[in-house]
PDB file of N, CA and C in Angstrom:
ATOM      1  N   MET A   1      -2.048 -32.974 -38.769  1.00  0.00           N
ATOM      2  CA  MET A   1      -3.331 -33.065 -38.113  1.00  0.00           C
ATOM      3  C   MET A   1      -4.317 -33.776 -39.044  1.00  0.00           C
ATOM      4  N   GLY A   2      -5.005 -34.746 -38.511  1.00  0.00           N
ATOM      5  CA  GLY A   2      -6.003 -35.447 -39.310  1.00  0.00           C
ATOM      6  C   GLY A   2      -5.410 -36.523 -40.220  1.00  0.00           C
ATOM      7  N   PHE A   3      -4.214 -37.042 -39.920  1.00  0.00           N
ATOM      8  CA  PHE A   3      -3.592 -38.066 -40.740  1.00  0.00           C
ATOM      9  C   PHE A   3      -3.650 -39.429 -40.063  1.00  0.00           C
ATOM     10  N   GLY A   4      -4.790 -39.813 -39.584  1.00  0.00           N
ATOM     11  CA  GLY A   4      -4.955 -41.134 -38.997  1.00  0.00           C
ATOM     12  C   GLY A   4      -4.265 -41.299 -37.652  1.00  0.00           C
ATOM     13  N   GLY A   5      -4.039 -40.225 -36.926  1.00  0.00           N
ATOM     14  CA  GLY A   5      -3.456 -40.303 -35.596  1.00  0.00           C
ATOM     15  C   GLY A   5      -1.937 -40.236 -35.586  1.00  0.00           C
ATOM     16  N   PHE A   6      -1.296 -40.156 -36.740  1.00  0.00           N
ATOM     17  CA  PHE A   6       0.162 -40.057 -36.774  1.00  0.00           C
ATOM     18  C   PHE A   6       0.574 -38.608 -36.546  1.00  0.00           C
ATOM     19  N   SER A   7       1.549 -38.428 -35.698  1.00  0.00           N
ATOM     20  CA  SER A   7       2.059 -37.084 -35.430  1.00  0.00           C
ATOM     21  C   SER A   7       3.565 -37.082 -35.657  1.00  0.00           C
ATOM     22  N   TRP A   8       4.001 -36.268 -36.566  1.00  0.00           N
ATOM     23  CA  TRP A   8       5.443 -36.205 -36.846  1.00  0.00           C
ATOM     24  C   TRP A   8       6.189 -35.556 -35.692  1.00  0.00           C
ATOM     25  N   LYS A   9       5.517 -34.683 -34.907  1.00  0.00           N
ATOM     26  CA  LYS A   9       6.164 -34.086 -33.747  1.00  0.00           C
ATOM     27  C   LYS A   9       6.444 -35.135 -32.672  1.00  0.00           C
ATOM     28  N   ARG A  10       5.483 -36.048 -32.490  1.00  0.00           N
ATOM     29  CA  ARG A  10       5.710 -37.136 -31.523  1.00  0.00           C
ATOM     30  C   ARG A  10       6.772 -38.096 -32.034  1.00  0.00           C
ATOM     31  N   ALA A  11       6.758 -38.351 -33.332  1.00  0.00           N
ATOM     32  CA  ALA A  11       7.730 -39.275 -33.913  1.00  0.00           C
ATOM     33  C   ALA A  11       9.162 -38.734 -33.772  1.00  0.00           C
ATOM     34  N   LEU A  12       9.327 -37.428 -33.885  1.00  0.00           N
ATOM     35  CA  LEU A  12      10.661 -36.825 -33.772  1.00  0.00           C
ATOM     36  C   LEU A  12      11.058 -36.537 -32.323  1.00  0.00           C
ATOM     37  N   GLY A  13      10.104 -36.650 -31.400  1.00  0.00           N
ATOM     38  CA  GLY A  13      10.418 -36.421 -29.987  1.00  0.00           C
ATOM     39  C   GLY A  13      10.264 -34.990 -29.539  1.00  0.00           C
ATOM     40  N   ILE A  14       9.656 -34.163 -30.379  1.00  0.00           N
ATOM     41  CA  ILE A  14       9.472 -32.751 -30.023  1.00  0.00           C
ATOM     42  C   ILE A  14       8.494 -32.613 -28.861  1.00  0.00           C
ATOM     43  N   THR A  15       7.434 -33.409 -28.877  1.00  0.00           N
ATOM     44  CA  THR A  15       6.426 -33.348 -27.818  1.00  0.00           C
ATOM     45  C   THR A  15       7.039 -33.702 -26.462  1.00  0.00           C
ATOM     46  N   LYS A  16       7.834 -34.751 -26.427  1.00  0.00           N
ATOM     47  CA  LYS A  16       8.454 -35.170 -25.168  1.00  0.00           C
ATOM     48  C   LYS A  16       9.431 -34.111 -24.662  1.00  0.00           C
ATOM     49  N   ALA A  17      10.183 -33.511 -25.572  1.00  0.00           N
ATOM     50  CA  ALA A  17      11.139 -32.473 -25.172  1.00  0.00           C
ATOM     51  C   ALA A  17      10.418 -31.256 -24.594  1.00  0.00           C
ATOM     52  N   LYS A  18       9.303 -30.873 -25.216  1.00  0.00           N
ATOM     53  CA  LYS A  18       8.529 -29.741 -24.701  1.00  0.00           C
ATOM     54  C   LYS A  18       7.951 -30.045 -23.318  1.00  0.00           C
ATOM     55  N   GLN A  19       7.469 -31.282 -23.129  1.00  0.00           N
ATOM     56  CA  GLN A  19       6.922 -31.666 -21.834  1.00  0.00           C
ATOM     57  C   GLN A  19       7.994 -31.621 -20.750  1.00  0.00           C
ATOM     58  N   GLN A  20       9.174 -32.138 -21.067  1.00  0.00           N
ATOM     59  CA  GLN A  20      10.258 -32.140 -20.090  1.00  0.00           C
ATOM     60  C   GLN A  20      10.708 -30.717 -19.758  1.00  0.00           C
ATOM     61  N   LEU A  21      10.808 -29.872 -20.770  1.00  0.00           N
ATOM     62  CA  LEU A  21      11.196 -28.480 -20.541  1.00  0.00           C
ATOM     63  C   LEU A  21      10.162 -27.763 -19.681  1.00  0.00           C
ATOM     64  N   SER A  22       8.899 -27.997 -19.982  1.00  0.00           N
ATOM     65  CA  SER A  22       7.827 -27.360 -19.225  1.00  0.00           C
ATOM     66  C   SER A  22       7.857 -27.777 -17.758  1.00  0.00           C
ATOM     67  N   ARG A  23       8.094 -29.050 -17.499  1.00  0.00           N
ATOM     68  CA  ARG A  23       8.177 -29.520 -16.109  1.00  0.00           C
ATOM     69  C   ARG A  23       9.400 -28.955 -15.409  1.00  0.00           C
ATOM     70  N   LYS A  24      10.495 -28.825 -16.145  1.00  0.00           N
ATOM     71  CA  LYS A  24      11.731 -28.346 -15.545  1.00  0.00           C
ATOM     72  C   LYS A  24      11.647 -26.871 -15.154  1.00  0.00           C
ATOM     73  N   ILE A  25      11.106 -26.028 -16.046  1.00  0.00           N
ATOM     74  CA  ILE A  25      11.040 -24.591 -15.756  1.00  0.00           C
ATOM     75  C   ILE A  25       9.809 -24.221 -14.939  1.00  0.00           C
ATOM     76  N   GLY A  26       8.808 -25.105 -14.899  1.00  0.00           N
ATOM     77  CA  GLY A  26       7.619 -24.854 -14.090  1.00  0.00           C
ATOM     78  C   GLY A  26       6.600 -23.946 -14.741  1.00  0.00           C
ATOM     79  N   ILE A  27       6.787 -23.646 -16.012  1.00  0.00           N
ATOM     80  CA  ILE A  27       5.844 -22.787 -16.736  1.00  0.00           C
ATOM     81  C   ILE A  27       5.292 -23.570 -17.916  1.00  0.00           C
ATOM     82  N   PRO A  28       3.975 -23.701 -18.019  1.00  0.00           N
ATOM     83  CA  PRO A  28       3.402 -24.428 -19.157  1.00  0.00           C
ATOM     84  C   PRO A  28       3.712 -23.721 -20.469  1.00  0.00           C
ATOM     85  N   LEU A  29       3.952 -24.490 -21.512  1.00  0.00           N
ATOM     86  CA  LEU A  29       4.282 -23.917 -22.811  1.00  0.00           C
ATOM     87  C   LEU A  29       3.056 -23.722 -23.693  1.00  0.00           C
ATOM     88  N   THR A  30       1.915 -24.273 -23.294  1.00  0.00           N
ATOM     89  CA  THR A  30       0.705 -24.085 -24.081  1.00  0.00           C
ATOM     90  C   THR A  30      -0.079 -22.902 -23.536  1.00  0.00           C
ATOM     91  N   LYS A  31      -0.862 -22.284 -24.393  1.00  0.00           N
ATOM     92  CA  LYS A  31      -1.654 -21.124 -23.993  1.00  0.00           C
ATOM     93  C   LYS A  31      -2.668 -21.502 -22.919  1.00  0.00           C
ATOM     94  N   SER A  32      -3.346 -22.628 -23.101  1.00  0.00           N
ATOM     95  CA  SER A  32      -4.354 -23.041 -22.122  1.00  0.00           C
ATOM     96  C   SER A  32      -3.700 -23.403 -20.790  1.00  0.00           C
ATOM     97  N   GLY A  33      -2.503 -23.984 -20.825  1.00  0.00           N
ATOM     98  CA  GLY A  33      -1.797 -24.318 -19.596  1.00  0.00           C
ATOM     99  C   GLY A  33      -1.387 -23.082 -18.821  1.00  0.00           C
ATOM    100  N   ARG A  34      -0.911 -22.065 -19.540  1.00  0.00           N
ATOM    101  CA  ARG A  34      -0.539 -20.810 -18.868  1.00  0.00           C
ATOM    102  C   ARG A  34      -1.762 -20.127 -18.270  1.00  0.00           C
ATOM    103  N   GLN A  35      -2.878 -20.138 -19.001  1.00  0.00           N
ATOM    104  CA  GLN A  35      -4.106 -19.532 -18.471  1.00  0.00           C
ATOM    105  C   GLN A  35      -4.594 -20.282 -17.246  1.00  0.00           C
ATOM    106  N   ARG A  36      -4.507 -21.598 -17.265  1.00  0.00           N
ATOM    107  CA  ARG A  36      -4.939 -22.408 -16.126  1.00  0.00           C
ATOM    108  C   ARG A  36      -4.066 -22.129 -14.906  1.00  0.00           C
ATOM    109  N   LYS A  37      -2.754 -22.020 -15.122  1.00  0.00           N
ATOM    110  CA  LYS A  37      -1.853 -21.758 -14.007  1.00  0.00           C
ATOM    111  C   LYS A  37      -2.086 -20.353 -13.453  1.00  0.00           C
ATOM    112  N   LEU A  38      -2.256 -19.370 -14.313  1.00  0.00           N
ATOM    113  CA  LEU A  38      -2.506 -18.001 -13.869  1.00  0.00           C
ATOM    114  C   LEU A  38      -3.841 -17.909 -13.135  1.00  0.00           C
ATOM    115  N   GLY A  39      -4.842 -18.624 -13.631  1.00  0.00           N
ATOM    116  CA  GLY A  39      -6.147 -18.630 -12.965  1.00  0.00           C
ATOM    117  C   GLY A  39      -6.084 -19.236 -11.583  1.00  0.00           C
ATOM    118  N   SER A  40      -5.243 -20.254 -11.393  1.00  0.00           N
ATOM    119  CA  SER A  40      -5.154 -20.883 -10.078  1.00  0.00           C
ATOM    120  C   SER A  40      -4.457 -19.974  -9.069  1.00  0.00           C
ATOM    121  N   LEU A  41      -3.666 -19.023  -9.543  1.00  0.00           N
ATOM    122  CA  LEU A  41      -3.049 -18.066  -8.622  1.00  0.00           C
ATOM    123  C   LEU A  41      -4.085 -17.083  -8.077  1.00  0.00           C
ATOM    124  N   PHE A  42      -5.059 -16.732  -8.926  1.00  0.00           N
ATOM    125  CA  PHE A  42      -6.050 -15.745  -8.519  1.00  0.00           C
ATOM    126  C   PHE A  42      -7.276 -16.349  -7.852  1.00  0.00           C
ATOM    127  N   TYR A  43      -7.710 -17.509  -8.296  1.00  0.00           N
ATOM    128  CA  TYR A  43      -8.945 -18.103  -7.799  1.00  0.00           C
ATOM    129  C   TYR A  43      -8.674 -19.484  -7.213  1.00  0.00           C
ATOM    130  N   PRO A  44      -8.752 -19.636  -5.886  1.00  0.00           N
ATOM    131  CA  PRO A  44      -8.567 -20.963  -5.296  1.00  0.00           C
ATOM    132  C   PRO A  44      -9.681 -21.905  -5.739  1.00  0.00           C
ATOM    133  N   LYS A  45      -9.345 -23.178  -5.921  1.00  0.00           N
ATOM    134  CA  LYS A  45     -10.323 -24.136  -6.442  1.00  0.00           C
ATOM    135  C   LYS A  45     -11.322 -24.578  -5.386  1.00  0.00           C
ATOM    136  N   SER A  46     -10.861 -24.870  -4.182  1.00  0.00           N
ATOM    137  CA  SER A  46     -11.787 -25.278  -3.133  1.00  0.00           C
ATOM    138  C   SER A  46     -11.195 -24.942  -1.774  1.00  0.00           C
ATOM    139  N   ARG A  47     -12.063 -24.882  -0.784  1.00  0.00           N
ATOM    140  CA  ARG A  47     -11.594 -24.568   0.567  1.00  0.00           C
ATOM    141  C   ARG A  47     -11.049 -25.807   1.269  1.00  0.00           C
ATOM    142  N   LYS A  48     -11.513 -26.980   0.853  1.00  0.00           N
ATOM    143  CA  LYS A  48     -11.073 -28.209   1.516  1.00  0.00           C
ATOM    144  C   LYS A  48      -9.605 -28.492   1.240  1.00  0.00           C
ATOM    145  N   ARG A  49      -9.200 -28.277   0.008  1.00  0.00           N
ATOM    146  CA  ARG A  49      -7.825 -28.574  -0.368  1.00  0.00           C
ATOM    147  C   ARG A  49      -6.984 -27.318  -0.161  1.00  0.00           C
ATOM    148  N   ARG A  50      -6.165 -27.340   0.854  1.00  0.00           N
ATOM    149  CA  ARG A  50      -5.312 -26.196   1.169  1.00  0.00           C
ATOM    150  C   ARG A  50      -4.021 -26.298   0.374  1.00  0.00           C
ATOM    151  N   SER A  51      -3.868 -25.424  -0.567  1.00  0.00           N
ATOM    152  CA  SER A  51      -2.628 -25.378  -1.331  1.00  0.00           C
ATOM    153  C   SER A  51      -2.258 -23.915  -1.509  1.00  0.00           C
ATOM    154  N   ASN A  52      -1.301 -23.641  -2.364  1.00  0.00           N
ATOM    155  CA  ASN A  52      -0.898 -22.261  -2.568  1.00  0.00           C
ATOM    156  C   ASN A  52      -1.807 -21.550  -3.561  1.00  0.00           C
ATOM    157  N   SER A  53      -2.961 -22.105  -3.853  1.00  0.00           N
ATOM    158  CA  SER A  53      -3.912 -21.448  -4.738  1.00  0.00           C
ATOM    159  C   SER A  53      -4.448 -20.199  -4.072  1.00  0.00           C
ATOM    160  N   GLY A  54      -4.475 -19.152  -4.804  1.00  0.00           N
ATOM    161  CA  GLY A  54      -4.997 -17.908  -4.284  1.00  0.00           C
ATOM    162  C   GLY A  54      -4.025 -17.143  -3.419  1.00  0.00           C
ATOM    163  N   CYS A  55      -2.774 -17.560  -3.380  1.00  0.00           N
ATOM    164  CA  CYS A  55      -1.818 -16.868  -2.515  1.00  0.00           C
ATOM    165  C   CYS A  55      -1.559 -15.454  -3.015  1.00  0.00           C
ATOM    166  N   LEU A  56      -1.644 -15.247  -4.311  1.00  0.00           N
ATOM    167  CA  LEU A  56      -1.434 -13.917  -4.859  1.00  0.00           C
ATOM    168  C   LEU A  56      -2.548 -12.974  -4.427  1.00  0.00           C
ATOM    169  N   VAL A  57      -3.769 -13.484  -4.404  1.00  0.00           N
ATOM    170  CA  VAL A  57      -4.905 -12.666  -3.974  1.00  0.00           C
ATOM    171  C   VAL A  57      -4.743 -12.263  -2.513  1.00  0.00           C
ATOM    172  N   MET A  58      -4.362 -13.204  -1.669  1.00  0.00           N
ATOM    173  CA  MET A  58      -4.182 -12.889  -0.254  1.00  0.00           C
ATOM    174  C   MET A  58      -3.045 -11.891  -0.051  1.00  0.00           C
ATOM    175  N   PHE A  59      -1.974 -12.019  -0.816  1.00  0.00           N
ATOM    176  CA  PHE A  59      -0.860 -11.086  -0.725  1.00  0.00           C
ATOM    177  C   PHE A  59      -1.298  -9.682  -1.120  1.00  0.00           C
ATOM    178  N   ILE A  60      -2.046  -9.572  -2.198  1.00  0.00           N
ATOM    179  CA  ILE A  60      -2.507  -8.262  -2.662  1.00  0.00           C
ATOM    180  C   ILE A  60      -3.464  -7.651  -1.649  1.00  0.00           C
ATOM    181  N   LEU A  61      -4.392  -8.438  -1.118  1.00  0.00           N
ATOM    182  CA  LEU A  61      -5.346  -7.908  -0.141  1.00  0.00           C
ATOM    183  C   LEU A  61      -4.646  -7.455   1.140  1.00  0.00           C
ATOM    184  N   THR A  62      -3.674  -8.228   1.607  1.00  0.00           N
ATOM    185  CA  THR A  62      -2.922  -7.854   2.798  1.00  0.00           C
ATOM    186  C   THR A  62      -2.133  -6.583   2.560  1.00  0.00           C
ATOM    187  N   SER A  63      -1.522  -6.479   1.393  1.00  0.00           N
ATOM    188  CA  SER A  63      -0.752  -5.277   1.063  1.00  0.00           C
ATOM    189  C   SER A  63      -1.649  -4.051   1.011  1.00  0.00           C
ATOM    190  N   LEU A  64      -2.811  -4.199   0.405  1.00  0.00           N
ATOM    191  CA  LEU A  64      -3.741  -3.068   0.330  1.00  0.00           C
ATOM    192  C   LEU A  64      -4.228  -2.656   1.717  1.00  0.00           C
ATOM    193  N   PHE A  65      -4.493  -3.634   2.571  1.00  0.00           N
ATOM    194  CA  PHE A  65      -4.932  -3.321   3.929  1.00  0.00           C
ATOM    195  C   PHE A  65      -3.857  -2.554   4.692  1.00  0.00           C
ATOM    196  N   LEU A  66      -2.615  -3.043   4.608  1.00  0.00           N
ATOM    197  CA  LEU A  66      -1.524  -2.366   5.310  1.00  0.00           C
ATOM    198  C   LEU A  66      -1.279  -0.969   4.759  1.00  0.00           C
ATOM    199  N   LEU A  67      -1.360  -0.829   3.448  1.00  0.00           N
ATOM    200  CA  LEU A  67      -1.159   0.479   2.822  1.00  0.00           C
ATOM    201  C   LEU A  67      -2.254   1.455   3.224  1.00  0.00           C
ATOM    202  N   SER A  68      -3.497   1.000   3.246  1.00  0.00           N
ATOM    203  CA  SER A  68      -4.591   1.890   3.619  1.00  0.00           C
ATOM    204  C   SER A  68      -4.515   2.264   5.101  1.00  0.00           C
ATOM    205  N   THR A  69      -4.110   1.331   5.948  1.00  0.00           N
ATOM    206  CA  THR A  69      -3.956   1.634   7.369  1.00  0.00           C
ATOM    207  C   THR A  69      -2.860   2.659   7.586  1.00  0.00           C
ATOM    208  N   TYR A  70      -1.738   2.469   6.908  1.00  0.00           N
ATOM    209  CA  TYR A  70      -0.626   3.411   7.030  1.00  0.00           C
ATOM    210  C   TYR A  70      -1.029   4.795   6.532  1.00  0.00           C
ATOM    211  N   SER A  71      -1.721   4.845   5.395  1.00  0.00           N
ATOM    212  CA  SER A  71      -2.106   6.150   4.850  1.00  0.00           C
ATOM    213  C   SER A  71      -3.129   6.838   5.741  1.00  0.00           C
ATOM    214  N   ALA A  72      -4.015   6.071   6.377  1.00  0.00           N
ATOM    215  CA  ALA A  72      -4.994   6.671   7.287  1.00  0.00           C
ATOM    216  C   ALA A  72      -4.296   7.253   8.517  1.00  0.00           C
ATOM    217  N   ILE A  73      -3.312   6.536   9.046  1.00  0.00           N
ATOM    218  CA  ILE A  73      -2.571   7.041  10.201  1.00  0.00           C
ATOM    219  C   ILE A  73      -1.784   8.285   9.814  1.00  0.00           C
ATOM    220  N   PHE A  74      -1.123   8.234   8.661  1.00  0.00           N
ATOM    221  CA  PHE A  74      -0.320   9.364   8.205  1.00  0.00           C
ATOM    222  C   PHE A  74      -1.200  10.579   7.949  1.00  0.00           C
ATOM    223  N   ALA A  75      -2.372  10.373   7.343  1.00  0.00           N
ATOM    224  CA  ALA A  75      -3.297  11.483   7.087  1.00  0.00           C
ATOM    225  C   ALA A  75      -3.807  12.060   8.403  1.00  0.00           C
ATOM    226  N   GLY A  76      -4.052  11.201   9.390  1.00  0.00           N
ATOM    227  CA  GLY A  76      -4.505  11.680  10.696  1.00  0.00           C
ATOM    228  C   GLY A  76      -3.449  12.538  11.373  1.00  0.00           C
ATOM    229  N   GLU A  77      -2.181  12.160  11.245  1.00  0.00           N
ATOM    230  CA  GLU A  77      -1.099  12.962  11.823  1.00  0.00           C
ATOM    231  C   GLU A  77      -0.995  14.305  11.127  1.00  0.00           C
ATOM    232  N   GLN A  78      -1.158  14.335   9.835  1.00  0.00           N
ATOM    233  CA  GLN A  78      -1.084  15.599   9.108  1.00  0.00           C
ATOM    234  C   GLN A  78      -2.232  16.522   9.492  1.00  0.00           C
ATOM    235  N   ILE A  79      -3.420  15.978   9.679  1.00  0.00           N
ATOM    236  CA  ILE A  79      -4.573  16.799  10.077  1.00  0.00           C
ATOM    237  C   ILE A  79      -4.336  17.382  11.460  1.00  0.00           C
ATOM    238  N   ALA A  80      -3.793  16.562  12.364  1.00  0.00           N
ATOM    239  CA  ALA A  80      -3.505  17.041  13.716  1.00  0.00           C
ATOM    240  C   ALA A  80      -2.461  18.158  13.675  1.00  0.00           C
ATOM    241  N   GLU A  81      -1.430  18.017  12.844  1.00  0.00           N
ATOM    242  CA  GLU A  81      -0.411  19.057  12.726  1.00  0.00           C
ATOM    243  C   GLU A  81      -1.004  20.341  12.162  1.00  0.00           C
ATOM    244  N   LEU A  82      -1.907  20.215  11.185  1.00  0.00           N
ATOM    245  CA  LEU A  82      -2.535  21.403  10.619  1.00  0.00           C
ATOM    246  C   LEU A  82      -3.402  22.110  11.659  1.00  0.00           C
ATOM    247  N   ALA A  83      -4.089  21.341  12.473  1.00  0.00           N
ATOM    248  CA  ALA A  83      -4.931  21.941  13.508  1.00  0.00           C
ATOM    249  C   ALA A  83      -4.072  22.686  14.520  1.00  0.00           C
ATOM    250  N   ILE A  84      -2.956  22.108  14.919  1.00  0.00           N
ATOM    251  CA  ILE A  84      -2.053  22.762  15.884  1.00  0.00           C
ATOM    252  C   ILE A  84      -1.480  24.017  15.246  1.00  0.00           C
ATOM    253  N   TYR A  85      -1.066  23.949  13.987  1.00  0.00           N
ATOM    254  CA  TYR A  85      -0.475  25.097  13.298  1.00  0.00           C
ATOM    255  C   TYR A  85      -1.486  26.234  13.148  1.00  0.00           C
ATOM    256  N   SER A  86      -2.741  25.882  12.845  1.00  0.00           N
ATOM    257  CA  SER A  86      -3.751  26.930  12.679  1.00  0.00           C
ATOM    258  C   SER A  86      -4.098  27.579  14.012  1.00  0.00           C
ATOM    259  N   ARG A  87      -4.062  26.834  15.107  1.00  0.00           N
ATOM    260  CA  ARG A  87      -4.314  27.427  16.415  1.00  0.00           C
ATOM    261  C   ARG A  87      -3.210  28.399  16.791  1.00  0.00           C
ATOM    262  N   LYS A  88      -1.954  28.068  16.464  1.00  0.00           N
ATOM    263  CA  LYS A  88      -0.838  28.949  16.776  1.00  0.00           C
ATOM    264  C   LYS A  88      -0.912  30.227  15.985  1.00  0.00           C
ATOM    265  N   ARG A  89      -1.380  30.166  14.751  1.00  0.00           N
ATOM    266  CA  ARG A  89      -1.476  31.366  13.923  1.00  0.00           C
ATOM    267  C   ARG A  89      -2.588  32.288  14.424  1.00  0.00           C
ATOM    268  N   CYS A  90      -3.672  31.707  14.961  1.00  0.00           N
ATOM    269  CA  CYS A  90      -4.806  32.512  15.415  1.00  0.00           C
ATOM    270  C   CYS A  90      -4.511  33.197  16.747  1.00  0.00           C
ATOM    271  N   VAL A  91      -3.671  32.620  17.554  1.00  0.00           N
ATOM    272  CA  VAL A  91      -3.419  33.172  18.891  1.00  0.00           C
ATOM    273  C   VAL A  91      -2.399  34.250  18.864  1.00  0.00           C
TER     274      VAL A  91
END
C-alpha cells in the first residue's frame, strides 16, 4: 500500500482469483460487500425498480401475520372451550 500504485496481489493474480470466486459463489468476500448485500435484503432501494430487494422483509412480515392470525384463532377456540367447560361444571 502506498508504493506508487503497484500491487503485488494484482501482479500475482490474487485479486482476479478472489473476484472470480466471489462471482461464482455469489457472496462478496469483502466486509463492505457483504454488508451491502445484507442491507439490500432488508431495505429495498427504490419502488420503481422491482427486484428481489426486500424479499426477506416481506417474508418475515407475512410469516408474522400468519402466525399471529393462527394464534388468535387458536386462542379463541380455547376460550370458547373453557366457557363451555365452566358452564357444564356450574349446571
